[in-house]
């Protein structure tokens, strides 16, 4: 599980590396684990981060707003991390990290449908891979 909130493109290589290393770790103990990645990507119009007493807001220029980076972050996750996993779930959300800390799904219906679809596919994969009853 990775959550991308702000400065996503700046962090994308580290995130991709973490996702790839996690799969390698899973496969050390078992040649055929079922590997599922869940990546949450912020689509907020703006966002804040905090470092001690300092507040770092996005400005849309030097510090891009999450919505400005979301599509590219998703594209990179799909193209570079997806091939390593049996399933990849992208969760799209909006959160500013600013009081009163609002949170919303970009599309709650899509999030629910995507989650349900992956659960179904993973269940079927489990039955095929490990001979479960189903």
N, C-alpha and C. Protein backbone atom coordinates (compact mmCIF):
# COMPACT_ATOMS: atom_id res chain seq x y z
N UNK A 1 0.85 -1.18 0.00
CA UNK A 1 0.00 0.00 0.00
C UNK A 1 0.89 1.23 0.00
N UNK A 2 0.65 2.10 -0.92
CA UNK A 2 1.34 3.39 -0.98
C UNK A 2 0.29 4.47 -1.11
N UNK A 3 0.54 5.58 -0.44
CA UNK A 3 -0.36 6.73 -0.51
C UNK A 3 0.44 7.90 -1.06
N UNK A 4 0.00 8.40 -2.19
CA UNK A 4 0.62 9.58 -2.79
C UNK A 4 -0.28 10.77 -2.53
N UNK A 5 0.25 11.79 -1.86
CA UNK A 5 -0.58 12.92 -1.46
C UNK A 5 -0.13 14.23 -2.10
N UNK A 6 1.17 14.47 -2.14
CA UNK A 6 1.71 15.76 -2.56
C UNK A 6 3.12 15.52 -3.09
N UNK A 7 3.57 16.33 -4.03
CA UNK A 7 4.90 16.18 -4.63
C UNK A 7 5.08 14.75 -5.13
N UNK A 8 4.06 14.26 -5.80
CA UNK A 8 4.02 12.85 -6.21
C UNK A 8 5.08 12.50 -7.24
N UNK A 9 5.28 13.34 -8.22
CA UNK A 9 6.25 13.04 -9.27
C UNK A 9 7.67 13.06 -8.70
N UNK A 10 7.92 13.95 -7.76
CA UNK A 10 9.22 14.01 -7.12
C UNK A 10 9.52 12.71 -6.37
N UNK A 11 8.50 12.04 -5.87
CA UNK A 11 8.65 10.82 -5.08
C UNK A 11 8.44 9.53 -5.88
N UNK A 12 8.05 9.64 -7.14
CA UNK A 12 7.57 8.47 -7.87
C UNK A 12 8.63 7.37 -8.02
N UNK A 13 9.89 7.74 -8.23
CA UNK A 13 10.92 6.71 -8.38
C UNK A 13 11.10 5.91 -7.09
N UNK A 14 11.05 6.59 -5.96
CA UNK A 14 11.15 5.89 -4.67
C UNK A 14 9.95 4.98 -4.46
N UNK A 15 8.77 5.47 -4.77
CA UNK A 15 7.55 4.68 -4.61
C UNK A 15 7.60 3.44 -5.51
N UNK A 16 7.99 3.62 -6.76
CA UNK A 16 8.10 2.49 -7.68
C UNK A 16 9.13 1.48 -7.18
N UNK A 17 10.24 1.97 -6.68
CA UNK A 17 11.26 1.09 -6.13
C UNK A 17 10.74 0.32 -4.92
N UNK A 18 10.02 0.99 -4.05
CA UNK A 18 9.44 0.33 -2.88
C UNK A 18 8.47 -0.78 -3.30
N UNK A 19 7.63 -0.48 -4.28
CA UNK A 19 6.66 -1.47 -4.74
C UNK A 19 7.36 -2.68 -5.34
N UNK A 20 8.38 -2.45 -6.13
CA UNK A 20 9.12 -3.55 -6.76
C UNK A 20 9.85 -4.38 -5.72
N UNK A 21 10.49 -3.72 -4.76
CA UNK A 21 11.22 -4.46 -3.71
C UNK A 21 10.26 -5.28 -2.85
N UNK A 22 9.06 -4.78 -2.64
CA UNK A 22 8.09 -5.52 -1.83
C UNK A 22 7.73 -6.84 -2.50
N UNK A 23 7.50 -6.82 -3.82
CA UNK A 23 7.18 -8.05 -4.55
C UNK A 23 8.35 -9.02 -4.47
N UNK A 24 9.56 -8.51 -4.65
CA UNK A 24 10.74 -9.38 -4.55
C UNK A 24 10.81 -10.04 -3.18
N UNK A 25 10.50 -9.28 -2.15
CA UNK A 25 10.50 -9.82 -0.78
C UNK A 25 9.45 -10.92 -0.63
N UNK A 26 8.25 -10.69 -1.14
CA UNK A 26 7.19 -11.69 -1.07
C UNK A 26 7.62 -12.99 -1.75
N UNK A 27 8.28 -12.86 -2.89
CA UNK A 27 8.63 -14.04 -3.69
C UNK A 27 9.82 -14.81 -3.12
N UNK A 28 10.55 -14.25 -2.19
CA UNK A 28 11.65 -14.99 -1.56
C UNK A 28 11.12 -16.16 -0.73
N UNK A 29 9.98 -16.00 -0.13
CA UNK A 29 9.43 -17.04 0.72
C UNK A 29 8.55 -18.03 -0.02
N UNK A 30 8.08 -17.66 -1.20
CA UNK A 30 7.16 -18.50 -1.96
C UNK A 30 7.26 -18.07 -3.41
N UNK A 31 7.44 -19.01 -4.30
CA UNK A 31 7.59 -18.67 -5.71
C UNK A 31 6.31 -18.11 -6.33
N UNK A 32 5.17 -18.42 -5.75
CA UNK A 32 3.90 -18.06 -6.38
C UNK A 32 2.93 -17.34 -5.44
N UNK A 33 3.39 -16.33 -4.70
CA UNK A 33 2.43 -15.61 -3.85
C UNK A 33 1.47 -14.80 -4.73
N UNK A 34 0.33 -14.51 -4.20
CA UNK A 34 -0.58 -13.59 -4.88
C UNK A 34 -0.21 -12.20 -4.39
N UNK A 35 0.19 -11.36 -5.32
CA UNK A 35 0.68 -10.03 -4.97
C UNK A 35 -0.29 -8.96 -5.46
N UNK A 36 -0.76 -8.15 -4.54
CA UNK A 36 -1.71 -7.08 -4.83
C UNK A 36 -1.13 -5.77 -4.33
N UNK A 37 -1.07 -4.79 -5.20
CA UNK A 37 -0.63 -3.45 -4.80
C UNK A 37 -1.85 -2.55 -4.73
N UNK A 38 -1.89 -1.72 -3.71
CA UNK A 38 -2.93 -0.70 -3.58
C UNK A 38 -2.22 0.63 -3.49
N UNK A 39 -2.55 1.52 -4.41
CA UNK A 39 -1.92 2.83 -4.45
C UNK A 39 -3.03 3.89 -4.44
N UNK A 40 -2.97 4.76 -3.44
CA UNK A 40 -3.93 5.85 -3.33
C UNK A 40 -3.28 7.11 -3.90
N UNK A 41 -4.01 7.79 -4.77
CA UNK A 41 -3.48 8.98 -5.44
C UNK A 41 -4.42 10.15 -5.18
N UNK A 42 -3.84 11.22 -4.63
CA UNK A 42 -4.60 12.43 -4.30
C UNK A 42 -4.91 13.22 -5.57
N UNK A 43 -6.14 13.69 -5.68
CA UNK A 43 -6.60 14.52 -6.79
C UNK A 43 -7.10 15.88 -6.31
N UNK A 44 -6.66 16.30 -5.13
CA UNK A 44 -7.15 17.57 -4.56
C UNK A 44 -6.66 18.76 -5.38
N UNK A 45 -7.44 19.83 -5.33
CA UNK A 45 -7.08 21.07 -6.03
C UNK A 45 -5.89 21.76 -5.39
N UNK A 46 -5.64 21.48 -4.12
CA UNK A 46 -4.47 22.02 -3.41
C UNK A 46 -4.22 21.11 -2.21
N UNK A 47 -3.05 21.28 -1.60
CA UNK A 47 -2.70 20.44 -0.47
C UNK A 47 -1.63 21.13 0.38
N UNK A 48 -1.58 20.80 1.64
CA UNK A 48 -0.59 21.32 2.57
C UNK A 48 0.21 20.18 3.15
N UNK A 49 1.48 20.46 3.43
CA UNK A 49 2.28 19.53 4.23
C UNK A 49 2.91 20.33 5.35
N UNK A 50 3.37 19.63 6.36
CA UNK A 50 3.88 20.27 7.56
C UNK A 50 5.25 19.71 7.91
N UNK A 51 6.13 20.61 8.32
CA UNK A 51 7.45 20.23 8.79
C UNK A 51 7.72 21.07 10.03
N UNK A 52 7.55 20.45 11.20
CA UNK A 52 7.65 21.22 12.43
C UNK A 52 6.57 22.29 12.44
N UNK A 53 6.98 23.54 12.62
CA UNK A 53 6.05 24.66 12.62
C UNK A 53 5.79 25.24 11.24
N UNK A 54 6.51 24.75 10.24
CA UNK A 54 6.38 25.28 8.88
C UNK A 54 5.27 24.58 8.11
N UNK A 55 4.56 25.38 7.33
CA UNK A 55 3.48 24.86 6.48
C UNK A 55 3.91 25.05 5.04
N UNK A 56 3.77 23.99 4.24
CA UNK A 56 4.15 24.02 2.84
C UNK A 56 2.91 23.80 1.96
N UNK A 57 2.29 24.89 1.50
CA UNK A 57 1.13 24.71 0.61
C UNK A 57 1.59 24.51 -0.84
N UNK A 58 0.77 23.83 -1.61
CA UNK A 58 1.03 23.78 -3.04
C UNK A 58 0.63 25.14 -3.61
N UNK A 59 1.30 25.53 -4.70
CA UNK A 59 0.99 26.82 -5.32
C UNK A 59 0.64 26.68 -6.80
N UNK A 60 0.75 25.49 -7.33
CA UNK A 60 0.42 25.27 -8.73
C UNK A 60 1.56 25.58 -9.69
N UNK A 61 2.62 26.15 -9.18
CA UNK A 61 3.77 26.50 -10.03
C UNK A 61 4.98 25.69 -9.59
N UNK A 62 5.73 26.21 -8.64
CA UNK A 62 6.91 25.49 -8.15
C UNK A 62 6.48 24.21 -7.42
N UNK A 63 5.43 24.31 -6.64
CA UNK A 63 4.90 23.18 -5.89
C UNK A 63 3.53 22.83 -6.48
N UNK A 64 3.53 21.87 -7.38
CA UNK A 64 2.31 21.51 -8.11
C UNK A 64 1.20 21.04 -7.17
N UNK A 65 -0.03 21.37 -7.54
CA UNK A 65 -1.20 20.86 -6.83
C UNK A 65 -1.33 19.37 -7.15
N UNK A 66 -1.88 18.58 -6.24
CA UNK A 66 -2.03 17.15 -6.52
C UNK A 66 -2.75 16.85 -7.83
N UNK A 67 -3.80 17.59 -8.13
CA UNK A 67 -4.56 17.34 -9.35
C UNK A 67 -3.69 17.52 -10.60
N UNK A 68 -2.66 18.35 -10.52
CA UNK A 68 -1.77 18.57 -11.65
C UNK A 68 -0.84 17.38 -11.88
N UNK A 69 -0.61 16.57 -10.87
CA UNK A 69 0.32 15.45 -10.98
C UNK A 69 -0.36 14.08 -10.98
N UNK A 70 -1.62 14.03 -10.65
CA UNK A 70 -2.30 12.75 -10.44
C UNK A 70 -2.28 11.85 -11.67
N UNK A 71 -2.60 12.38 -12.82
CA UNK A 71 -2.65 11.55 -14.03
C UNK A 71 -1.28 10.96 -14.37
N UNK A 72 -0.24 11.77 -14.27
CA UNK A 72 1.11 11.27 -14.57
C UNK A 72 1.55 10.25 -13.52
N UNK A 73 1.25 10.48 -12.27
CA UNK A 73 1.59 9.51 -11.23
C UNK A 73 0.89 8.18 -11.49
N UNK A 74 -0.39 8.24 -11.82
CA UNK A 74 -1.14 7.02 -12.11
C UNK A 74 -0.58 6.31 -13.33
N UNK A 75 -0.27 7.05 -14.38
CA UNK A 75 0.29 6.45 -15.59
C UNK A 75 1.58 5.71 -15.27
N UNK A 76 2.46 6.33 -14.49
CA UNK A 76 3.74 5.71 -14.15
C UNK A 76 3.55 4.48 -13.27
N UNK A 77 2.65 4.55 -12.31
CA UNK A 77 2.39 3.39 -11.45
C UNK A 77 1.88 2.22 -12.30
N UNK A 78 0.95 2.50 -13.18
CA UNK A 78 0.38 1.44 -14.02
C UNK A 78 1.45 0.86 -14.96
N UNK A 79 2.21 1.70 -15.60
CA UNK A 79 3.17 1.20 -16.58
C UNK A 79 4.38 0.54 -15.94
N UNK A 80 4.81 1.00 -14.77
CA UNK A 80 6.06 0.51 -14.20
C UNK A 80 5.89 -0.45 -13.03
N UNK A 81 4.83 -0.33 -12.27
CA UNK A 81 4.63 -1.23 -11.12
C UNK A 81 3.67 -2.37 -11.46
N UNK A 82 2.65 -2.08 -12.23
CA UNK A 82 1.61 -3.08 -12.54
C UNK A 82 2.17 -4.41 -13.04
N UNK A 83 3.18 -4.42 -13.93
CA UNK A 83 3.67 -5.70 -14.45
C UNK A 83 4.22 -6.65 -13.36
N UNK A 84 4.58 -6.14 -12.22
CA UNK A 84 5.15 -6.95 -11.14
C UNK A 84 4.09 -7.58 -10.24
N UNK A 85 2.86 -7.17 -10.37
CA UNK A 85 1.79 -7.59 -9.47
C UNK A 85 0.72 -8.39 -10.20
N UNK A 86 0.05 -9.25 -9.43
CA UNK A 86 -1.12 -9.95 -9.97
C UNK A 86 -2.27 -8.97 -10.16
N UNK A 87 -2.39 -8.05 -9.23
CA UNK A 87 -3.45 -7.03 -9.28
C UNK A 87 -2.92 -5.70 -8.77
N UNK A 88 -3.45 -4.65 -9.31
CA UNK A 88 -3.13 -3.28 -8.87
C UNK A 88 -4.43 -2.52 -8.73
N UNK A 89 -4.66 -1.97 -7.55
CA UNK A 89 -5.84 -1.15 -7.31
C UNK A 89 -5.38 0.29 -7.11
N UNK A 90 -5.87 1.17 -7.95
CA UNK A 90 -5.62 2.61 -7.80
C UNK A 90 -6.85 3.19 -7.11
N UNK A 91 -6.62 3.83 -5.98
CA UNK A 91 -7.70 4.50 -5.25
C UNK A 91 -7.52 6.00 -5.44
N UNK A 92 -8.51 6.65 -5.99
CA UNK A 92 -8.44 8.09 -6.26
C UNK A 92 -9.24 8.85 -5.20
N UNK A 93 -8.57 9.79 -4.56
CA UNK A 93 -9.21 10.52 -3.47
C UNK A 93 -8.82 12.00 -3.55
N UNK A 94 -9.50 12.80 -2.72
CA UNK A 94 -9.18 14.22 -2.58
C UNK A 94 -9.03 14.53 -1.10
N UNK A 95 -7.86 15.05 -0.73
CA UNK A 95 -7.61 15.45 0.65
C UNK A 95 -6.62 16.61 0.63
N UNK A 96 -6.95 17.67 1.35
CA UNK A 96 -6.11 18.87 1.36
C UNK A 96 -5.07 18.87 2.47
N UNK A 97 -5.27 18.05 3.48
CA UNK A 97 -4.42 18.02 4.67
C UNK A 97 -4.46 19.37 5.40
N UNK A 98 -5.58 20.02 5.33
CA UNK A 98 -5.79 21.33 5.95
C UNK A 98 -7.09 21.27 6.74
N UNK A 99 -7.09 21.82 7.97
CA UNK A 99 -8.29 21.80 8.79
C UNK A 99 -9.48 22.34 8.01
N UNK A 100 -10.59 21.69 8.11
CA UNK A 100 -10.99 20.59 8.99
C UNK A 100 -10.66 19.20 8.41
N UNK A 101 -9.66 19.09 7.57
CA UNK A 101 -9.17 17.84 7.00
C UNK A 101 -10.25 17.08 6.22
N UNK A 102 -10.82 17.73 5.21
CA UNK A 102 -11.85 17.05 4.41
C UNK A 102 -11.24 15.90 3.61
N UNK A 103 -12.06 14.90 3.36
CA UNK A 103 -11.67 13.75 2.55
C UNK A 103 -12.88 13.36 1.71
N UNK A 104 -12.63 13.03 0.46
CA UNK A 104 -13.69 12.50 -0.39
C UNK A 104 -13.07 11.64 -1.48
N UNK A 105 -13.86 10.71 -1.98
CA UNK A 105 -13.44 9.90 -3.11
C UNK A 105 -13.65 10.71 -4.37
N UNK A 106 -12.80 10.53 -5.36
CA UNK A 106 -13.05 11.12 -6.66
C UNK A 106 -14.36 10.54 -7.19
N UNK A 107 -14.52 9.23 -7.04
CA UNK A 107 -15.79 8.54 -7.34
C UNK A 107 -15.91 7.37 -6.39
N UNK A 108 -16.76 7.50 -5.41
CA UNK A 108 -16.95 6.42 -4.45
C UNK A 108 -17.45 5.16 -5.15
N UNK A 109 -18.34 5.33 -6.10
CA UNK A 109 -18.88 4.17 -6.83
C UNK A 109 -17.76 3.43 -7.56
N UNK A 110 -16.87 4.16 -8.25
CA UNK A 110 -15.75 3.51 -8.95
C UNK A 110 -14.83 2.81 -7.96
N UNK A 111 -14.56 3.44 -6.83
CA UNK A 111 -13.69 2.83 -5.82
C UNK A 111 -14.30 1.51 -5.33
N UNK A 112 -15.59 1.51 -5.07
CA UNK A 112 -16.25 0.29 -4.60
C UNK A 112 -16.25 -0.79 -5.67
N UNK A 113 -16.54 -0.42 -6.91
CA UNK A 113 -16.58 -1.40 -8.00
C UNK A 113 -15.19 -1.97 -8.28
N UNK A 114 -14.18 -1.10 -8.30
CA UNK A 114 -12.81 -1.57 -8.54
C UNK A 114 -12.35 -2.51 -7.43
N UNK A 115 -12.66 -2.17 -6.19
CA UNK A 115 -12.29 -3.01 -5.05
C UNK A 115 -13.00 -4.37 -5.13
N UNK A 116 -14.28 -4.36 -5.42
CA UNK A 116 -15.03 -5.61 -5.51
C UNK A 116 -14.51 -6.48 -6.66
N UNK A 117 -14.17 -5.86 -7.77
CA UNK A 117 -13.66 -6.61 -8.91
C UNK A 117 -12.33 -7.28 -8.58
N UNK A 118 -11.46 -6.56 -7.89
CA UNK A 118 -10.17 -7.14 -7.52
C UNK A 118 -10.36 -8.28 -6.52
N UNK A 119 -11.25 -8.12 -5.56
CA UNK A 119 -11.52 -9.21 -4.62
C UNK A 119 -11.98 -10.46 -5.35
N UNK A 120 -12.84 -10.29 -6.34
CA UNK A 120 -13.33 -11.42 -7.12
C UNK A 120 -12.20 -12.08 -7.90
N UNK A 121 -11.38 -11.26 -8.57
CA UNK A 121 -10.28 -11.82 -9.36
C UNK A 121 -9.24 -12.50 -8.49
N UNK A 122 -8.93 -11.93 -7.33
CA UNK A 122 -7.95 -12.54 -6.43
C UNK A 122 -8.50 -13.86 -5.88
N UNK A 123 -9.77 -13.92 -5.57
CA UNK A 123 -10.38 -15.16 -5.10
C UNK A 123 -10.27 -16.25 -6.16
N UNK A 124 -10.56 -15.91 -7.39
CA UNK A 124 -10.45 -16.88 -8.49
C UNK A 124 -9.00 -17.30 -8.72
N UNK A 125 -8.09 -16.35 -8.63
CA UNK A 125 -6.67 -16.65 -8.78
C UNK A 125 -6.19 -17.59 -7.67
N UNK A 126 -6.66 -17.35 -6.46
CA UNK A 126 -6.32 -18.22 -5.33
C UNK A 126 -6.76 -19.65 -5.63
N UNK A 127 -7.99 -19.81 -6.09
CA UNK A 127 -8.50 -21.14 -6.41
C UNK A 127 -7.65 -21.81 -7.47
N UNK A 128 -7.27 -21.08 -8.51
CA UNK A 128 -6.45 -21.66 -9.59
C UNK A 128 -5.05 -21.99 -9.09
N UNK A 129 -4.46 -21.08 -8.34
CA UNK A 129 -3.07 -21.24 -7.96
C UNK A 129 -2.87 -22.23 -6.83
N UNK A 130 -3.80 -22.28 -5.90
CA UNK A 130 -3.60 -23.10 -4.71
C UNK A 130 -4.64 -24.19 -4.55
N UNK A 131 -5.51 -24.37 -5.54
CA UNK A 131 -6.48 -25.46 -5.50
C UNK A 131 -7.53 -25.33 -4.43
N UNK A 132 -7.87 -24.07 -4.08
CA UNK A 132 -8.89 -23.85 -3.06
C UNK A 132 -10.25 -24.31 -3.56
N UNK A 133 -11.16 -24.48 -2.66
CA UNK A 133 -12.52 -24.84 -3.08
C UNK A 133 -13.30 -23.58 -3.30
N UNK A 134 -14.11 -23.55 -4.30
CA UNK A 134 -14.78 -22.31 -4.50
C UNK A 134 -15.90 -22.34 -5.37
